[in-house]
């Protein structure tokens, strides 16, 4: 079938917005697969419009952002039902990048997609998450958010306000410079290699938490592990299961330094991400659910 010049122009224009839309969808859903599906569905909706209808769109980027938000709302509502049966904790799918002309680089540069921030968003209702992300992160007007949510403008404002308050109360640590992260990770790995629990504790923040996500399909912590000693002992125990070697591959996980562990013996592949505050590790996110790692470029 012949593709007209107008269709080629439309496809090219959409491609120019694609990275932005993936970032919107991923920040709302925390799922790479759902984000890609939402963006593809948005393209189909755009392509299905008549030329007259497309000509009436004054701000295509804004229109697509709102459409993606509406699609993601449906996916969040479905995910909320699935999570009622989920085993253990739920973490976002990690975005693992090389930092070298990676197509997802534009997405992970956003401070709001760091793992610590997404974990906070996961506590919001679907409506709060969509309203908060669309308005505070992408400046979508409340009238358009209300249309996406199927509610009044006043209610959309309320959803965003509650999401904003929850995020502020959780106070996720801001992203620190990669050089500082690199230095912290090197010290942490050296302490782990010694097997000295006190050395590891000395690099953990007093409020440190470890969140594992195995989905009932891979080994990790089922409940959140809190406190320096408990987190240190859990990590050292995990290290022993890996034969006492910290041979994870350093990578960028949602724009921050993390580790990639290929499968080894009875242990499945996993991705570990870290949050740093005041020069200490304040969050460890251990993702081993294979259903969430299919897109991760593990070494052969």
C-alpha atoms as a PDB file:
ATOM      1  CA  UNK A   1       0.000   0.000   0.000  1.00  0.00           C
ATOM      2  CA  UNK A   2       1.322   3.416  -0.989  1.00  0.00           C
ATOM      3  CA  UNK A   3       2.179   5.806   1.820  1.00  0.00           C
ATOM      4  CA  UNK A   4       1.270   9.396   1.065  1.00  0.00           C
ATOM      5  CA  UNK A   5       3.565  12.333   1.747  1.00  0.00           C
ATOM      6  CA  UNK A   6       1.147  13.530   4.427  1.00  0.00           C
ATOM      7  CA  UNK A   7       1.302  10.146   6.187  1.00  0.00           C
ATOM      8  CA  UNK A   8       5.094  10.159   6.014  1.00  0.00           C
ATOM      9  CA  UNK A   9       5.170  13.647   7.530  1.00  0.00           C
ATOM     10  CA  UNK A  10       2.788  12.570  10.303  1.00  0.00           C
ATOM     11  CA  UNK A  11       4.909   9.517  11.123  1.00  0.00           C
ATOM     12  CA  UNK A  12       8.079  11.616  11.182  1.00  0.00           C
ATOM     13  CA  UNK A  13       6.463  14.203  13.447  1.00  0.00           C
ATOM     14  CA  UNK A  14       5.244  11.492  15.815  1.00  0.00           C
ATOM     15  CA  UNK A  15       8.730   9.955  15.942  1.00  0.00           C
ATOM     16  CA  UNK A  16      10.036  13.312  17.110  1.00  0.00           C
ATOM     17  CA  UNK A  17       7.692  13.117  20.111  1.00  0.00           C
ATOM     18  CA  UNK A  18       8.211   9.441  20.835  1.00  0.00           C
ATOM     19  CA  UNK A  19      10.977   9.721  23.441  1.00  0.00           C
ATOM     20  CA  UNK A  20       8.924  12.274  25.372  1.00  0.00           C
ATOM     21  CA  UNK A  21       5.841  10.059  25.253  1.00  0.00           C
ATOM     22  CA  UNK A  22       7.739   6.980  26.414  1.00  0.00           C
ATOM     23  CA  UNK A  23       9.011   9.030  29.341  1.00  0.00           C
ATOM     24  CA  UNK A  24       5.463  10.125  30.221  1.00  0.00           C
ATOM     25  CA  UNK A  25       4.069   6.602  29.988  1.00  0.00           C
ATOM     26  CA  UNK A  26       6.925   4.973  31.901  1.00  0.00           C
ATOM     27  CA  UNK A  27       6.774   7.552  34.672  1.00  0.00           C
ATOM     28  CA  UNK A  28       3.043   6.905  35.054  1.00  0.00           C
ATOM     29  CA  UNK A  29       3.071   3.093  34.795  1.00  0.00           C
ATOM     30  CA  UNK A  30       6.575   2.076  35.893  1.00  0.00           C
ATOM     31  CA  UNK A  31       6.447  -0.557  33.142  1.00  0.00           C
ATOM     32  CA  UNK A  32       8.557  -0.566  29.994  1.00  0.00           C
ATOM     33  CA  UNK A  33       6.124  -2.845  28.176  1.00  0.00           C
ATOM     34  CA  UNK A  34       3.076  -0.784  29.174  1.00  0.00           C
ATOM     35  CA  UNK A  35       4.861   2.425  28.206  1.00  0.00           C
ATOM     36  CA  UNK A  36       5.718   1.146  24.745  1.00  0.00           C
ATOM     37  CA  UNK A  37       2.201  -0.239  24.244  1.00  0.00           C
ATOM     38  CA  UNK A  38       0.627   3.059  25.347  1.00  0.00           C
ATOM     39  CA  UNK A  39       2.766   5.051  22.922  1.00  0.00           C
ATOM     40  CA  UNK A  40       1.925   2.658  20.082  1.00  0.00           C
ATOM     41  CA  UNK A  41      -1.780   2.945  20.887  1.00  0.00           C
ATOM     42  CA  UNK A  42      -1.484   6.745  20.900  1.00  0.00           C
ATOM     43  CA  UNK A  43       0.028   6.569  17.409  1.00  0.00           C
ATOM     44  CA  UNK A  44      -2.838   4.405  16.183  1.00  0.00           C
ATOM     45  CA  UNK A  45      -5.363   6.871  17.570  1.00  0.00           C
ATOM     46  CA  UNK A  46      -3.584   9.768  15.883  1.00  0.00           C
ATOM     47  CA  UNK A  47      -3.248   7.948  12.583  1.00  0.00           C
ATOM     48  CA  UNK A  48      -6.926   6.986  12.717  1.00  0.00           C
ATOM     49  CA  UNK A  49      -8.106  10.598  12.819  1.00  0.00           C
ATOM     50  CA  UNK A  50      -9.361  12.315   9.717  1.00  0.00           C
ATOM     51  CA  UNK A  51      -7.179  15.037   8.222  1.00  0.00           C
ATOM     52  CA  UNK A  52      -9.759  17.582   9.352  1.00  0.00           C
ATOM     53  CA  UNK A  53      -9.597  16.304  12.950  1.00  0.00           C
ATOM     54  CA  UNK A  54      -5.786  16.354  12.946  1.00  0.00           C
ATOM     55  CA  UNK A  55      -5.791  19.877  11.561  1.00  0.00           C
ATOM     56  CA  UNK A  56      -7.858  20.911  14.574  1.00  0.00           C
ATOM     57  CA  UNK A  57      -5.153  19.836  17.046  1.00  0.00           C
ATOM     58  CA  UNK A  58      -3.380  23.057  18.032  1.00  0.00           C
ATOM     59  CA  UNK A  59      -0.680  21.434  20.198  1.00  0.00           C
ATOM     60  CA  UNK A  60       0.120  17.932  18.974  1.00  0.00           C
ATOM     61  CA  UNK A  61       2.660  17.196  21.710  1.00  0.00           C
ATOM     62  CA  UNK A  62       0.156  18.214  24.383  1.00  0.00           C
ATOM     63  CA  UNK A  63      -2.629  16.233  22.719  1.00  0.00           C
ATOM     64  CA  UNK A  64      -0.488  13.099  22.542  1.00  0.00           C
ATOM     65  CA  UNK A  65       0.647  13.542  26.157  1.00  0.00           C
ATOM     66  CA  UNK A  66      -2.967  13.648  27.320  1.00  0.00           C
ATOM     67  CA  UNK A  67      -3.914  10.635  25.194  1.00  0.00           C
ATOM     68  CA  UNK A  68      -1.015   8.643  26.625  1.00  0.00           C
ATOM     69  CA  UNK A  69      -2.105   9.655  30.134  1.00  0.00           C
ATOM     70  CA  UNK A  70      -5.637   8.383  29.472  1.00  0.00           C
ATOM     71  CA  UNK A  71      -4.335   5.076  28.127  1.00  0.00           C
ATOM     72  CA  UNK A  72      -1.977   4.673  31.080  1.00  0.00           C
ATOM     73  CA  UNK A  73      -4.813   5.308  33.535  1.00  0.00           C
ATOM     74  CA  UNK A  74      -6.580   2.205  32.234  1.00  0.00           C
ATOM     75  CA  UNK A  75      -3.384   0.193  32.547  1.00  0.00           C
ATOM     76  CA  UNK A  76      -2.808   1.404  36.106  1.00  0.00           C
ATOM     77  CA  UNK A  77      -6.320   0.374  37.093  1.00  0.00           C
ATOM     78  CA  UNK A  78      -5.738  -3.104  35.649  1.00  0.00           C
ATOM     79  CA  UNK A  79      -2.360  -3.314  37.408  1.00  0.00           C
ATOM     80  CA  UNK A  80      -3.997  -2.420  40.733  1.00  0.00           C
ATOM     81  CA  UNK A  81      -6.204  -5.508  40.400  1.00  0.00           C
ATOM     82  CA  UNK A  82      -3.215  -7.718  39.522  1.00  0.00           C
ATOM     83  CA  UNK A  83      -1.220  -6.459  42.496  1.00  0.00           C
ATOM     84  CA  UNK A  84      -3.823  -7.750  44.916  1.00  0.00           C
ATOM     85  CA  UNK A  85      -2.543 -11.226  44.028  1.00  0.00           C
ATOM     86  CA  UNK A  86       1.136 -10.265  43.693  1.00  0.00           C
ATOM     87  CA  UNK A  87       3.649 -12.098  45.876  1.00  0.00           C
ATOM     88  CA  UNK A  88       5.945  -9.782  47.850  1.00  0.00           C
ATOM     89  CA  UNK A  89       6.819  -6.186  47.018  1.00  0.00           C
ATOM     90  CA  UNK A  90       6.219  -4.451  43.685  1.00  0.00           C
ATOM     91  CA  UNK A  91       8.990  -2.445  42.010  1.00  0.00           C
ATOM     92  CA  UNK A  92       8.985  -0.637  38.655  1.00  0.00           C
ATOM     93  CA  UNK A  93      10.648  -2.362  35.732  1.00  0.00           C
ATOM     94  CA  UNK A  94      14.233  -1.079  35.643  1.00  0.00           C
ATOM     95  CA  UNK A  95      15.480   1.012  32.750  1.00  0.00           C
ATOM     96  CA  UNK A  96      19.031  -0.208  32.204  1.00  0.00           C
ATOM     97  CA  UNK A  97      21.104   1.969  29.889  1.00  0.00           C
ATOM     98  CA  UNK A  98      24.720   2.276  28.849  1.00  0.00           C
ATOM     99  CA  UNK A  99      24.793   6.065  28.817  1.00  0.00           C
ATOM    100  CA  UNK A 100      26.310   6.024  25.333  1.00  0.00           C
ATOM    101  CA  UNK A 101      23.789   7.196  22.733  1.00  0.00           C
ATOM    102  CA  UNK A 102      21.187   4.890  24.266  1.00  0.00           C
ATOM    103  CA  UNK A 103      17.686   5.576  22.847  1.00  0.00           C
ATOM    104  CA  UNK A 104      16.321   5.652  26.417  1.00  0.00           C
ATOM    105  CA  UNK A 105      18.930   8.174  27.576  1.00  0.00           C
ATOM    106  CA  UNK A 106      16.526  11.086  27.204  1.00  0.00           C
ATOM    107  CA  UNK A 107      14.024   9.295  29.437  1.00  0.00           C
ATOM    108  CA  UNK A 108      16.372   8.371  32.289  1.00  0.00           C
ATOM    109  CA  UNK A 109      17.876  11.872  32.487  1.00  0.00           C
ATOM    110  CA  UNK A 110      14.614  12.984  34.084  1.00  0.00           C
ATOM    111  CA  UNK A 111      15.045  13.123  37.854  1.00  0.00           C
ATOM    112  CA  UNK A 112      11.507  11.822  38.294  1.00  0.00           C
ATOM    113  CA  UNK A 113      12.266   8.376  36.849  1.00  0.00           C
ATOM    114  CA  UNK A 114      14.957   7.499  39.379  1.00  0.00           C
ATOM    115  CA  UNK A 115      13.952   4.349  41.240  1.00  0.00           C
ATOM    116  CA  UNK A 116      13.444   6.065  44.611  1.00  0.00           C
ATOM    117  CA  UNK A 117      10.991   8.527  43.050  1.00  0.00           C
ATOM    118  CA  UNK A 118       9.025   5.857  41.173  1.00  0.00           C
ATOM    119  CA  UNK A 119       8.642   3.792  44.342  1.00  0.00           C
ATOM    120  CA  UNK A 120       6.919   6.793  45.927  1.00  0.00           C
ATOM    121  CA  UNK A 121       4.612   7.236  42.917  1.00  0.00           C
ATOM    122  CA  UNK A 122       3.616   3.602  43.236  1.00  0.00           C
ATOM    123  CA  UNK A 123       1.849   4.407  46.515  1.00  0.00           C
ATOM    124  CA  UNK A 124      -0.596   6.780  44.810  1.00  0.00           C
ATOM    125  CA  UNK A 125      -3.975   5.868  43.397  1.00  0.00           C
ATOM    126  CA  UNK A 126      -4.082   5.626  39.582  1.00  0.00           C
ATOM    127  CA  UNK A 127      -5.933   8.955  39.388  1.00  0.00           C
ATOM    128  CA  UNK A 128      -3.499  10.717  41.727  1.00  0.00           C
ATOM    129  CA  UNK A 129      -0.502   9.384  39.831  1.00  0.00           C
ATOM    130  CA  UNK A 130      -1.790  10.428  36.419  1.00  0.00           C
ATOM    131  CA  UNK A 131      -2.851  13.890  37.601  1.00  0.00           C
ATOM    132  CA  UNK A 132       0.353  14.543  39.540  1.00  0.00           C
ATOM    133  CA  UNK A 133       2.704  13.354  36.778  1.00  0.00           C
ATOM    134  CA  UNK A 134       0.874  15.076  33.922  1.00  0.00           C
ATOM    135  CA  UNK A 135       0.568  18.406  35.723  1.00  0.00           C
ATOM    136  CA  UNK A 136       3.717  18.684  37.839  1.00  0.00           C
ATOM    137  CA  UNK A 137       6.139  16.939  35.496  1.00  0.00           C
ATOM    138  CA  UNK A 138       4.731  17.825  32.082  1.00  0.00           C
ATOM    139  CA  UNK A 139       2.652  20.981  32.688  1.00  0.00           C
ATOM    140  CA  UNK A 140      -0.550  19.574  31.208  1.00  0.00           C
ATOM    141  CA  UNK A 141      -3.472  21.936  31.995  1.00  0.00           C
ATOM    142  CA  UNK A 142      -5.992  20.655  34.535  1.00  0.00           C
ATOM    143  CA  UNK A 143      -8.816  20.929  32.003  1.00  0.00           C
ATOM    144  CA  UNK A 144      -7.090  18.351  29.814  1.00  0.00           C
ATOM    145  CA  UNK A 145      -6.196  16.169  32.813  1.00  0.00           C
ATOM    146  CA  UNK A 146      -9.851  16.232  33.889  1.00  0.00           C
ATOM    147  CA  UNK A 147     -10.830  15.069  30.422  1.00  0.00           C
ATOM    148  CA  UNK A 148      -8.317  12.217  30.623  1.00  0.00           C
ATOM    149  CA  UNK A 149      -9.553  11.177  34.072  1.00  0.00           C
ATOM    150  CA  UNK A 150     -13.228  11.644  33.277  1.00  0.00           C
ATOM    151  CA  UNK A 151     -13.777  14.015  36.206  1.00  0.00           C
ATOM    152  CA  UNK A 152     -14.231  17.697  36.967  1.00  0.00           C
ATOM    153  CA  UNK A 153     -11.350  20.155  36.899  1.00  0.00           C
ATOM    154  CA  UNK A 154     -11.682  20.625  40.668  1.00  0.00           C
ATOM    155  CA  UNK A 155     -11.376  16.881  41.226  1.00  0.00           C
ATOM    156  CA  UNK A 156      -8.353  16.685  38.921  1.00  0.00           C
ATOM    157  CA  UNK A 157      -6.694  19.429  40.972  1.00  0.00           C
ATOM    158  CA  UNK A 158      -7.463  17.502  44.152  1.00  0.00           C
ATOM    159  CA  UNK A 159      -5.927  14.300  42.755  1.00  0.00           C
ATOM    160  CA  UNK A 160      -2.744  16.163  41.811  1.00  0.00           C
ATOM    161  CA  UNK A 161      -2.596  17.910  45.190  1.00  0.00           C
ATOM    162  CA  UNK A 162      -2.851  14.629  47.077  1.00  0.00           C
ATOM    163  CA  UNK A 163      -0.192  13.066  44.869  1.00  0.00           C
ATOM    164  CA  UNK A 164       2.075  16.068  45.441  1.00  0.00           C
ATOM    165  CA  UNK A 165       1.626  15.852  49.211  1.00  0.00           C
ATOM    166  CA  UNK A 166       2.358  12.115  49.264  1.00  0.00           C
ATOM    167  CA  UNK A 167       5.545  12.670  47.251  1.00  0.00           C
ATOM    168  CA  UNK A 168       6.649  15.510  49.547  1.00  0.00           C
ATOM    169  CA  UNK A 169       5.927  13.488  52.695  1.00  0.00           C
ATOM    170  CA  UNK A 170       7.934  10.521  51.385  1.00  0.00           C
ATOM    171  CA  UNK A 171      10.908  12.804  50.665  1.00  0.00           C
ATOM    172  CA  UNK A 172      12.783  10.527  48.223  1.00  0.00           C
ATOM    173  CA  UNK A 173      16.494  11.382  48.067  1.00  0.00           C
ATOM    174  CA  UNK A 174      17.403  13.550  45.066  1.00  0.00           C
ATOM    175  CA  UNK A 175      19.767  12.248  42.436  1.00  0.00           C
ATOM    176  CA  UNK A 176      23.404  12.894  43.291  1.00  0.00           C
ATOM    177  CA  UNK A 177      26.239  13.367  40.826  1.00  0.00           C
ATOM    178  CA  UNK A 178      27.451  10.215  39.099  1.00  0.00           C
ATOM    179  CA  UNK A 179      31.007  10.755  40.364  1.00  0.00           C
ATOM    180  CA  UNK A 180      29.726  10.721  43.936  1.00  0.00           C
ATOM    181  CA  UNK A 181      27.629   7.637  43.196  1.00  0.00           C
ATOM    182  CA  UNK A 182      30.639   5.908  41.634  1.00  0.00           C
ATOM    183  CA  UNK A 183      32.809   6.597  44.677  1.00  0.00           C
ATOM    184  CA  UNK A 184      30.055   5.387  46.999  1.00  0.00           C
ATOM    185  CA  UNK A 185      29.494   2.202  45.002  1.00  0.00           C
ATOM    186  CA  UNK A 186      33.213   1.376  44.959  1.00  0.00           C
ATOM    187  CA  UNK A 187      33.455   1.767  48.738  1.00  0.00           C
ATOM    188  CA  UNK A 188      30.305  -0.286  49.179  1.00  0.00           C
ATOM    189  CA  UNK A 189      31.549  -3.129  46.967  1.00  0.00           C
ATOM    190  CA  UNK A 190      34.890  -3.165  48.772  1.00  0.00           C
ATOM    191  CA  UNK A 191      33.112  -3.443  52.122  1.00  0.00           C
ATOM    192  CA  UNK A 192      30.906  -6.239  50.808  1.00  0.00           C
ATOM    193  CA  UNK A 193      33.955  -8.103  49.507  1.00  0.00           C
ATOM    194  CA  UNK A 194      35.476  -8.181  53.002  1.00  0.00           C
ATOM    195  CA  UNK A 195      32.402  -9.902  54.397  1.00  0.00           C
ATOM    196  CA  UNK A 196      32.656  -7.617  57.437  1.00  0.00           C
ATOM    197  CA  UNK A 197      29.133  -6.756  58.537  1.00  0.00           C
ATOM    198  CA  UNK A 198      30.323  -3.697  60.470  1.00  0.00           C
ATOM    199  CA  UNK A 199      32.142  -2.333  57.410  1.00  0.00           C
ATOM    200  CA  UNK A 200      28.933  -2.647  55.392  1.00  0.00           C
ATOM    201  CA  UNK A 201      26.826  -1.098  58.171  1.00  0.00           C
ATOM    202  CA  UNK A 202      29.172   1.900  58.186  1.00  0.00           C
ATOM    203  CA  UNK A 203      28.169   2.716  54.601  1.00  0.00           C
ATOM    204  CA  UNK A 204      24.418   2.393  55.145  1.00  0.00           C
ATOM    205  CA  UNK A 205      22.183   5.288  56.125  1.00  0.00           C
ATOM    206  CA  UNK A 206      20.387   4.866  59.486  1.00  0.00           C
ATOM    207  CA  UNK A 207      17.068   4.944  57.587  1.00  0.00           C
ATOM    208  CA  UNK A 208      18.184   2.480  54.893  1.00  0.00           C
ATOM    209  CA  UNK A 209      15.597   0.159  53.377  1.00  0.00           C
ATOM    210  CA  UNK A 210      15.929  -2.768  51.004  1.00  0.00           C
ATOM    211  CA  UNK A 211      13.030  -3.574  48.714  1.00  0.00           C
ATOM    212  CA  UNK A 212      13.060  -6.812  46.748  1.00  0.00           C
ATOM    213  CA  UNK A 213      10.773  -7.804  43.883  1.00  0.00           C
ATOM    214  CA  UNK A 214      10.804 -11.444  42.879  1.00  0.00           C
ATOM    215  CA  UNK A 215       7.091 -11.737  42.125  1.00  0.00           C
ATOM    216  CA  UNK A 216       7.093 -15.171  43.733  1.00  0.00           C
ATOM    217  CA  UNK A 217       9.249 -16.430  40.852  1.00  0.00           C
ATOM    218  CA  UNK A 218      12.757 -15.609  42.085  1.00  0.00           C
ATOM    219  CA  UNK A 219      14.466 -15.354  45.459  1.00  0.00           C
ATOM    220  CA  UNK A 220      14.700 -12.004  47.196  1.00  0.00           C
ATOM    221  CA  UNK A 221      13.279 -10.340  50.301  1.00  0.00           C
ATOM    222  CA  UNK A 222       9.490 -10.748  50.418  1.00  0.00           C
ATOM    223  CA  UNK A 223       9.043  -7.963  52.947  1.00  0.00           C
ATOM    224  CA  UNK A 224      10.807  -4.603  53.097  1.00  0.00           C
ATOM    225  CA  UNK A 225      14.046  -4.909  55.102  1.00  0.00           C
ATOM    226  CA  UNK A 226      14.715  -1.858  57.289  1.00  0.00           C
ATOM    227  CA  UNK A 227      17.711  -0.770  59.353  1.00  0.00           C
ATOM    228  CA  UNK A 228      21.463  -0.892  58.860  1.00  0.00           C
ATOM    229  CA  UNK A 229      22.189  -4.259  60.469  1.00  0.00           C
ATOM    230  CA  UNK A 230      19.275  -6.139  58.894  1.00  0.00           C
ATOM    231  CA  UNK A 231      20.036  -4.772  55.418  1.00  0.00           C
ATOM    232  CA  UNK A 232      23.760  -5.501  55.791  1.00  0.00           C
ATOM    233  CA  UNK A 233      23.133  -9.092  56.857  1.00  0.00           C
ATOM    234  CA  UNK A 234      20.644  -9.667  54.053  1.00  0.00           C
ATOM    235  CA  UNK A 235      23.095  -8.366  51.444  1.00  0.00           C
ATOM    236  CA  UNK A 236      25.986 -10.425  52.800  1.00  0.00           C
ATOM    237  CA  UNK A 237      23.757 -13.494  52.808  1.00  0.00           C
ATOM    238  CA  UNK A 238      22.856 -12.851  49.176  1.00  0.00           C
ATOM    239  CA  UNK A 239      26.540 -12.413  48.382  1.00  0.00           C
ATOM    240  CA  UNK A 240      27.326 -15.830  49.883  1.00  0.00           C
ATOM    241  CA  UNK A 241      24.720 -17.383  47.589  1.00  0.00           C
ATOM    242  CA  UNK A 242      26.614 -15.859  44.675  1.00  0.00           C
ATOM    243  CA  UNK A 243      29.773 -17.616  45.819  1.00  0.00           C
ATOM    244  CA  UNK A 244      31.165 -14.649  47.704  1.00  0.00           C
ATOM    245  CA  UNK A 245      31.920 -12.644  44.562  1.00  0.00           C
ATOM    246  CA  UNK A 246      30.527  -9.200  43.774  1.00  0.00           C
ATOM    247  CA  UNK A 247      30.956  -9.603  40.050  1.00  0.00           C
ATOM    248  CA  UNK A 248      27.960  -7.559  39.015  1.00  0.00           C
ATOM    249  CA  UNK A 249      28.345  -5.401  35.928  1.00  0.00           C
ATOM    250  CA  UNK A 250      28.117  -1.653  36.702  1.00  0.00           C
ATOM    251  CA  UNK A 251      25.325  -0.061  34.655  1.00  0.00           C
ATOM    252  CA  UNK A 252      22.958   2.874  34.793  1.00  0.00           C
ATOM    253  CA  UNK A 253      19.625   1.890  36.328  1.00  0.00           C
ATOM    254  CA  UNK A 254      17.016   4.599  35.758  1.00  0.00           C
ATOM    255  CA  UNK A 255      19.888   7.030  35.327  1.00  0.00           C
ATOM    256  CA  UNK A 256      21.697   6.097  38.557  1.00  0.00           C
ATOM    257  CA  UNK A 257      24.554   3.650  39.080  1.00  0.00           C
ATOM    258  CA  UNK A 258      23.508   0.069  39.718  1.00  0.00           C
ATOM    259  CA  UNK A 259      24.607  -3.509  39.157  1.00  0.00           C
ATOM    260  CA  UNK A 260      23.603  -6.158  36.642  1.00  0.00           C
ATOM    261  CA  UNK A 261      23.907  -9.777  37.804  1.00  0.00           C
ATOM    262  CA  UNK A 262      23.528 -12.531  35.179  1.00  0.00           C
ATOM    263  CA  UNK A 263      21.989 -15.845  36.238  1.00  0.00           C
ATOM    264  CA  UNK A 264      24.375 -18.052  38.162  1.00  0.00           C
ATOM    265  CA  UNK A 265      23.601 -21.596  39.251  1.00  0.00           C
ATOM    266  CA  UNK A 266      20.288 -21.624  41.102  1.00  0.00           C
ATOM    267  CA  UNK A 267      20.173 -17.826  41.265  1.00  0.00           C
ATOM    268  CA  UNK A 268      18.221 -16.027  38.586  1.00  0.00           C
ATOM    269  CA  UNK A 269      19.442 -12.842  36.906  1.00  0.00           C
ATOM    270  CA  UNK A 270      18.785  -9.643  38.807  1.00  0.00           C
ATOM    271  CA  UNK A 271      19.260  -5.891  38.709  1.00  0.00           C
ATOM    272  CA  UNK A 272      20.236  -3.915  41.799  1.00  0.00           C
ATOM    273  CA  UNK A 273      19.695  -0.178  42.078  1.00  0.00           C
ATOM    274  CA  UNK A 274      20.788   2.171  44.853  1.00  0.00           C
ATOM    275  CA  UNK A 275      19.736   5.497  46.342  1.00  0.00           C
ATOM    276  CA  UNK A 276      22.303   7.681  48.104  1.00  0.00           C
ATOM    277  CA  UNK A 277      21.788  10.372  50.740  1.00  0.00           C
ATOM    278  CA  UNK A 278      24.483  12.210  52.714  1.00  0.00           C
ATOM    279  CA  UNK A 279      27.179   9.972  51.240  1.00  0.00           C
ATOM    280  CA  UNK A 280      25.488   6.781  52.474  1.00  0.00           C
ATOM    281  CA  UNK A 281      23.292   4.139  50.838  1.00  0.00           C
ATOM    282  CA  UNK A 282      19.721   4.875  51.848  1.00  0.00           C
ATOM    283  CA  UNK A 283      17.883   2.564  49.463  1.00  0.00           C
ATOM    284  CA  UNK A 284      18.613  -0.777  47.818  1.00  0.00           C
ATOM    285  CA  UNK A 285      16.225  -2.080  45.163  1.00  0.00           C
ATOM    286  CA  UNK A 286      16.700  -5.728  44.232  1.00  0.00           C
ATOM    287  CA  UNK A 287      14.748  -6.761  41.130  1.00  0.00           C
ATOM    288  CA  UNK A 288      14.770 -10.439  40.241  1.00  0.00           C
ATOM    289  CA  UNK A 289      11.278 -11.091  38.847  1.00  0.00           C
ATOM    290  CA  UNK A 290      12.069 -12.472  35.363  1.00  0.00           C
ATOM    291  CA  UNK A 291       8.810 -11.049  34.007  1.00  0.00           C
ATOM    292  CA  UNK A 292      10.190  -7.544  34.597  1.00  0.00           C
ATOM    293  CA  UNK A 293      13.685  -8.155  33.222  1.00  0.00           C
ATOM    294  CA  UNK A 294      12.978  -9.419  29.717  1.00  0.00           C
ATOM    295  CA  UNK A 295      14.043  -6.094  28.186  1.00  0.00           C
ATOM    296  CA  UNK A 296      17.289  -5.879  30.186  1.00  0.00           C
ATOM    297  CA  UNK A 297      20.487  -6.429  28.130  1.00  0.00           C
ATOM    298  CA  UNK A 298      22.137  -9.131  30.218  1.00  0.00           C
ATOM    299  CA  UNK A 299      25.522 -10.297  28.872  1.00  0.00           C
ATOM    300  CA  UNK A 300      25.410 -13.603  26.994  1.00  0.00           C
END
